[in-house]
C-alpha atoms as a PDB file:
ATOM      1  CA  UNK A   1       0.000   0.000   0.000  1.00  0.00           C
ATOM      2  CA  UNK A   2       1.163   3.517  -0.806  1.00  0.00           C
ATOM      3  CA  UNK A   3       0.260   6.266   1.633  1.00  0.00           C
ATOM      4  CA  UNK A   4      -0.281   9.546  -0.159  1.00  0.00           C
ATOM      5  CA  UNK A   5       1.742  11.931   1.948  1.00  0.00           C
ATOM      6  CA  UNK A   6       2.887  14.638  -0.396  1.00  0.00           C
ATOM      7  CA  UNK A   7       4.147  16.940   2.328  1.00  0.00           C
ATOM      8  CA  UNK A   8       7.784  17.983   2.300  1.00  0.00           C
ATOM      9  CA  UNK A   9      10.047  15.760   4.413  1.00  0.00           C
ATOM     10  CA  UNK A  10      10.470  17.038   7.962  1.00  0.00           C
ATOM     11  CA  UNK A  11      14.034  15.850   8.423  1.00  0.00           C
ATOM     12  CA  UNK A  12      17.021  17.311   6.642  1.00  0.00           C
ATOM     13  CA  UNK A  13      19.017  14.802   4.658  1.00  0.00           C
ATOM     14  CA  UNK A  14      22.114  15.161   2.542  1.00  0.00           C
ATOM     15  CA  UNK A  15      22.974  14.748  -1.105  1.00  0.00           C
ATOM     16  CA  UNK A  16      21.164  12.294  -3.322  1.00  0.00           C
ATOM     17  CA  UNK A  17      18.808  11.032  -0.609  1.00  0.00           C
ATOM     18  CA  UNK A  18      17.208  14.448  -0.127  1.00  0.00           C
ATOM     19  CA  UNK A  19      16.804  14.838  -3.898  1.00  0.00           C
ATOM     20  CA  UNK A  20      15.078  11.458  -4.118  1.00  0.00           C
ATOM     21  CA  UNK A  21      12.834  12.299  -1.165  1.00  0.00           C
ATOM     22  CA  UNK A  22      11.784  15.603  -2.739  1.00  0.00           C
ATOM     23  CA  UNK A  23      11.274  13.900  -6.101  1.00  0.00           C
ATOM     24  CA  UNK A  24       9.045  11.302  -4.458  1.00  0.00           C
ATOM     25  CA  UNK A  25       7.059  14.037  -2.685  1.00  0.00           C
ATOM     26  CA  UNK A  26       6.622  15.902  -5.987  1.00  0.00           C
ATOM     27  CA  UNK A  27       5.550  12.721  -7.768  1.00  0.00           C
ATOM     28  CA  UNK A  28       3.001  11.895  -5.062  1.00  0.00           C
ATOM     29  CA  UNK A  29       1.769  15.496  -5.032  1.00  0.00           C
ATOM     30  CA  UNK A  30       1.242  15.386  -8.798  1.00  0.00           C
ATOM     31  CA  UNK A  31      -0.575  12.064  -8.578  1.00  0.00           C
ATOM     32  CA  UNK A  32      -2.807  13.338  -5.776  1.00  0.00           C
ATOM     33  CA  UNK A  33      -3.572  16.502  -7.760  1.00  0.00           C
ATOM     34  CA  UNK A  34      -4.671  14.376 -10.720  1.00  0.00           C
ATOM     35  CA  UNK A  35      -6.808  12.141  -8.508  1.00  0.00           C
ATOM     36  CA  UNK A  36      -8.542  15.171  -7.002  1.00  0.00           C
ATOM     37  CA  UNK A  37      -9.156  16.742 -10.407  1.00  0.00           C
ATOM     38  CA  UNK A  38     -10.555  13.448 -11.693  1.00  0.00           C
ATOM     39  CA  UNK A  39     -12.779  13.092  -8.607  1.00  0.00           C
ATOM     40  CA  UNK A  40     -14.229  16.538  -9.295  1.00  0.00           C
ATOM     41  CA  UNK A  41     -14.708  15.893 -13.017  1.00  0.00           C
ATOM     42  CA  UNK A  42     -18.084  14.343 -12.172  1.00  0.00           C
ATOM     43  CA  UNK A  43     -19.294  17.529 -10.512  1.00  0.00           C
ATOM     44  CA  UNK A  44     -18.936  19.402  -7.231  1.00  0.00           C
ATOM     45  CA  UNK A  45     -18.044  17.430  -4.105  1.00  0.00           C
ATOM     46  CA  UNK A  46     -17.025  18.140  -0.546  1.00  0.00           C
ATOM     47  CA  UNK A  47     -13.644  16.979   0.741  1.00  0.00           C
ATOM     48  CA  UNK A  48     -14.967  13.760   2.251  1.00  0.00           C
ATOM     49  CA  UNK A  49     -16.712  12.965  -1.042  1.00  0.00           C
ATOM     50  CA  UNK A  50     -13.437  13.491  -2.915  1.00  0.00           C
ATOM     51  CA  UNK A  51     -11.685  11.152  -0.492  1.00  0.00           C
ATOM     52  CA  UNK A  52     -14.414   8.506  -0.847  1.00  0.00           C
ATOM     53  CA  UNK A  53     -14.180   8.629  -4.660  1.00  0.00           C
ATOM     54  CA  UNK A  54     -10.401   8.244  -4.574  1.00  0.00           C
ATOM     55  CA  UNK A  55     -10.662   5.287  -2.175  1.00  0.00           C
ATOM     56  CA  UNK A  56     -13.218   3.572  -4.443  1.00  0.00           C
ATOM     57  CA  UNK A  57     -11.168   4.309  -7.574  1.00  0.00           C
ATOM     58  CA  UNK A  58      -7.786   3.101  -6.297  1.00  0.00           C
ATOM     59  CA  UNK A  59      -8.919   0.400  -3.876  1.00  0.00           C
ATOM     60  CA  UNK A  60      -6.585  -0.703  -1.120  1.00  0.00           C
ATOM     61  CA  UNK A  61      -3.460   0.194  -3.088  1.00  0.00           C
ATOM     62  CA  UNK A  62      -3.353   3.859  -2.077  1.00  0.00           C
ATOM     63  CA  UNK A  63      -4.325   5.540   1.180  1.00  0.00           C
ATOM     64  CA  UNK A  64      -5.075   9.266   1.123  1.00  0.00           C
ATOM     65  CA  UNK A  65      -5.110  10.766   4.584  1.00  0.00           C
ATOM     66  CA  UNK A  66      -7.158  13.820   5.557  1.00  0.00           C
ATOM     67  CA  UNK A  67      -3.975  15.616   6.603  1.00  0.00           C
ATOM     68  CA  UNK A  68      -2.800  15.373   3.004  1.00  0.00           C
ATOM     69  CA  UNK A  69      -6.101  15.828   1.154  1.00  0.00           C
ATOM     70  CA  UNK A  70      -7.234  19.148   2.598  1.00  0.00           C
ATOM     71  CA  UNK A  71      -3.921  20.977   2.064  1.00  0.00           C
ATOM     72  CA  UNK A  72      -3.961  19.628  -1.505  1.00  0.00           C
ATOM     73  CA  UNK A  73      -7.475  20.977  -2.056  1.00  0.00           C
ATOM     74  CA  UNK A  74      -6.345  24.384  -0.799  1.00  0.00           C
ATOM     75  CA  UNK A  75      -3.228  24.261  -3.013  1.00  0.00           C
ATOM     76  CA  UNK A  76      -5.341  23.486  -6.096  1.00  0.00           C
ATOM     77  CA  UNK A  77      -7.709  26.284  -5.160  1.00  0.00           C
ATOM     78  CA  UNK A  78      -4.782  28.727  -4.916  1.00  0.00           C
ATOM     79  CA  UNK A  79      -3.598  27.611  -8.368  1.00  0.00           C
ATOM     80  CA  UNK A  80      -7.050  28.369  -9.751  1.00  0.00           C
ATOM     81  CA  UNK A  81      -7.718  24.765 -10.805  1.00  0.00           C
ATOM     82  CA  UNK A  82     -10.661  24.320  -8.436  1.00  0.00           C
ATOM     83  CA  UNK A  83     -13.046  26.658  -6.665  1.00  0.00           C
ATOM     84  CA  UNK A  84     -14.971  26.244  -3.445  1.00  0.00           C
ATOM     85  CA  UNK A  85     -18.392  27.238  -2.235  1.00  0.00           C
ATOM     86  CA  UNK A  86     -20.113  26.601   1.070  1.00  0.00           C
ATOM     87  CA  UNK A  87     -23.202  24.422   0.956  1.00  0.00           C
ATOM     88  CA  UNK A  88     -25.132  21.747   2.822  1.00  0.00           C
ATOM     89  CA  UNK A  89     -24.024  18.118   2.706  1.00  0.00           C
ATOM     90  CA  UNK A  90     -26.306  15.106   2.265  1.00  0.00           C
ATOM     91  CA  UNK A  91     -26.482  14.725   6.059  1.00  0.00           C
ATOM     92  CA  UNK A  92     -27.530  18.377   6.473  1.00  0.00           C
ATOM     93  CA  UNK A  93     -24.173  19.729   7.632  1.00  0.00           C
ATOM     94  CA  UNK A  94     -22.373  22.803   6.386  1.00  0.00           C
ATOM     95  CA  UNK A  95     -19.563  21.760   4.044  1.00  0.00           C
ATOM     96  CA  UNK A  96     -17.253  23.314   1.486  1.00  0.00           C
ATOM     97  CA  UNK A  97     -17.983  21.969  -2.003  1.00  0.00           C
ATOM     98  CA  UNK A  98     -15.189  21.981  -4.566  1.00  0.00           C
ATOM     99  CA  UNK A  99     -15.604  22.101  -8.331  1.00  0.00           C
ATOM    100  CA  UNK A 100     -13.301  22.284 -11.338  1.00  0.00           C
ATOM    101  CA  UNK A 101     -12.579  25.563 -13.060  1.00  0.00           C
ATOM    102  CA  UNK A 102     -11.956  25.753 -16.815  1.00  0.00           C
ATOM    103  CA  UNK A 103      -8.222  25.744 -16.041  1.00  0.00           C
ATOM    104  CA  UNK A 104      -8.688  22.665 -13.838  1.00  0.00           C
ATOM    105  CA  UNK A 105     -10.453  20.818 -16.642  1.00  0.00           C
ATOM    106  CA  UNK A 106      -7.594  21.700 -18.991  1.00  0.00           C
ATOM    107  CA  UNK A 107      -4.972  20.576 -16.420  1.00  0.00           C
ATOM    108  CA  UNK A 108      -6.761  17.259 -15.973  1.00  0.00           C
ATOM    109  CA  UNK A 109      -6.706  16.628 -19.717  1.00  0.00           C
ATOM    110  CA  UNK A 110      -3.099  17.710 -20.324  1.00  0.00           C
ATOM    111  CA  UNK A 111      -1.569  16.290 -17.146  1.00  0.00           C
ATOM    112  CA  UNK A 112      -3.653  13.122 -17.446  1.00  0.00           C
ATOM    113  CA  UNK A 113      -2.166  12.415 -20.876  1.00  0.00           C
ATOM    114  CA  UNK A 114       1.330  13.178 -19.587  1.00  0.00           C
ATOM    115  CA  UNK A 115       0.782  10.873 -16.577  1.00  0.00           C
ATOM    116  CA  UNK A 116      -0.329   8.007 -18.836  1.00  0.00           C
ATOM    117  CA  UNK A 117       2.714   8.477 -21.084  1.00  0.00           C
ATOM    118  CA  UNK A 118       5.057   8.657 -18.078  1.00  0.00           C
ATOM    119  CA  UNK A 119       3.676   5.575 -16.334  1.00  0.00           C
ATOM    120  CA  UNK A 120       3.662   3.593 -19.598  1.00  0.00           C
ATOM    121  CA  UNK A 121       7.327   4.465 -20.181  1.00  0.00           C
ATOM    122  CA  UNK A 122       8.313   3.534 -16.621  1.00  0.00           C
ATOM    123  CA  UNK A 123       6.345   0.271 -16.869  1.00  0.00           C
ATOM    124  CA  UNK A 124       8.131  -0.581 -20.128  1.00  0.00           C
ATOM    125  CA  UNK A 125      11.498   0.116 -18.537  1.00  0.00           C
ATOM    126  CA  UNK A 126      10.733  -1.919 -15.426  1.00  0.00           C
ATOM    127  CA  UNK A 127       9.495  -4.814 -17.554  1.00  0.00           C
ATOM    128  CA  UNK A 128      12.551  -4.810 -19.811  1.00  0.00           C
ATOM    129  CA  UNK A 129      15.682  -6.881 -19.472  1.00  0.00           C
ATOM    130  CA  UNK A 130      18.070  -5.481 -16.914  1.00  0.00           C
ATOM    131  CA  UNK A 131      21.113  -3.614 -18.224  1.00  0.00           C
ATOM    132  CA  UNK A 132      24.114  -5.803 -18.846  1.00  0.00           C
ATOM    133  CA  UNK A 133      22.073  -9.013 -18.950  1.00  0.00           C
ATOM    134  CA  UNK A 134      22.980 -11.359 -21.758  1.00  0.00           C
ATOM    135  CA  UNK A 135      20.683 -13.753 -23.510  1.00  0.00           C
ATOM    136  CA  UNK A 136      21.435 -17.397 -22.912  1.00  0.00           C
END
């Protein structure tokens, strides 16, 4: 299981390890952004609804924690990819509902294609013969 924790690492590391840690955080952040945009592509939803959709879509393979989701929603709102409006949830509670902006729809399309190309290339590489291996 992968836990989606796209926050910056709290400990300071040196050299290559810190670069890999930041790269991993950026990769997870980008994946979470895409998942949120996709969750909202069906229409407005409150944060818990976004989290429920992601959990249904990815199954037990990925865990998105509230402490990661809500900062991501705010980050996407600051970028102008989503907007928020207060409303009433299905259980009659006040909740913030998020929806895609035109820019968010565009980002989902463009970044979604790039994500598919990236993951296909990595999958090909991981499935290929290891470097230096000789055929018997």
